[in-house]
Amino acid sequence: MLHPWVSSDPATFASSMAPLQPAGCRVIARREVGKFLKAQPP
């Protein structure tokens, strides 16, 4: 494990992520964030 202080075991990760899909959440890439943000005037 390259960075153990920022890792979860697979079972813990899976149980943490399980409620997200039924709640309508989805994962997006950072490069796609702009598509979901509203433009703000300067």
C-alpha atoms as a PDB file:
ATOM      1  CA  MET A   1       0.000   0.000   0.000  1.00  0.00           C
ATOM      2  CA  LEU A   2       1.552   3.246  -1.129  1.00  0.00           C
ATOM      3  CA  HIS A   3      -0.194   5.636   1.307  1.00  0.00           C
ATOM      4  CA  PRO A   4      -1.738   3.660   4.190  1.00  0.00           C
ATOM      5  CA  TRP A   5      -2.834   6.777   6.078  1.00  0.00           C
ATOM      6  CA  VAL A   6      -5.304   7.677   3.308  1.00  0.00           C
ATOM      7  CA  SER A   7      -6.654   4.204   2.606  1.00  0.00           C
ATOM      8  CA  SER A   8      -9.630   2.114   3.668  1.00  0.00           C
ATOM      9  CA  ASP A   9      -9.956  -1.610   3.574  1.00  0.00           C
ATOM     10  CA  PRO A  10     -12.254  -2.698   0.711  1.00  0.00           C
ATOM     11  CA  ALA A  11     -15.117  -3.810   2.981  1.00  0.00           C
ATOM     12  CA  THR A  12     -15.192  -0.465   4.819  1.00  0.00           C
ATOM     13  CA  PHE A  13     -15.041   1.461   1.549  1.00  0.00           C
ATOM     14  CA  ALA A  14     -17.880  -0.596   0.041  1.00  0.00           C
ATOM     15  CA  SER A  15     -20.124  -0.122   3.081  1.00  0.00           C
ATOM     16  CA  SER A  16     -19.408   3.625   3.066  1.00  0.00           C
ATOM     17  CA  MET A  17     -20.257   3.961  -0.628  1.00  0.00           C
ATOM     18  CA  ALA A  18     -23.354   1.706  -0.640  1.00  0.00           C
ATOM     19  CA  PRO A  19     -25.886   4.427   0.349  1.00  0.00           C
ATOM     20  CA  LEU A  20     -24.720   6.853  -2.344  1.00  0.00           C
ATOM     21  CA  GLN A  21     -26.228   5.245  -5.456  1.00  0.00           C
ATOM     22  CA  PRO A  22     -29.760   4.884  -4.027  1.00  0.00           C
ATOM     23  CA  ALA A  23     -29.490   8.529  -2.933  1.00  0.00           C
ATOM     24  CA  GLY A  24     -28.865   9.571  -6.551  1.00  0.00           C
ATOM     25  CA  CYS A  25     -25.190  10.420  -6.160  1.00  0.00           C
ATOM     26  CA  ARG A  26     -22.685   9.822  -8.921  1.00  0.00           C
ATOM     27  CA  VAL A  27     -18.945  10.100  -9.334  1.00  0.00           C
ATOM     28  CA  ILE A  28     -17.568  12.598 -11.818  1.00  0.00           C
ATOM     29  CA  ALA A  29     -14.035  13.420 -12.901  1.00  0.00           C
ATOM     30  CA  ARG A  30     -12.585  16.695 -11.725  1.00  0.00           C
ATOM     31  CA  ARG A  31     -12.410  17.890 -15.341  1.00  0.00           C
ATOM     32  CA  GLU A  32     -16.231  17.565 -15.522  1.00  0.00           C
ATOM     33  CA  VAL A  33     -17.024  19.687 -12.462  1.00  0.00           C
ATOM     34  CA  GLY A  34     -17.521  22.828 -14.556  1.00  0.00           C
ATOM     35  CA  LYS A  35     -20.481  21.204 -16.319  1.00  0.00           C
ATOM     36  CA  PHE A  36     -22.307  21.037 -12.985  1.00  0.00           C
ATOM     37  CA  LEU A  37     -21.490  24.495 -11.624  1.00  0.00           C
ATOM     38  CA  LYS A  38     -23.376  27.633 -12.521  1.00  0.00           C
ATOM     39  CA  ALA A  39     -21.299  30.516 -13.846  1.00  0.00           C
ATOM     40  CA  GLN A  40     -20.903  33.405 -11.431  1.00  0.00           C
ATOM     41  CA  PRO A  41     -20.551  37.001 -12.621  1.00  0.00           C
ATOM     42  CA  PRO A  42     -17.030  38.445 -12.195  1.00  0.00           C
END
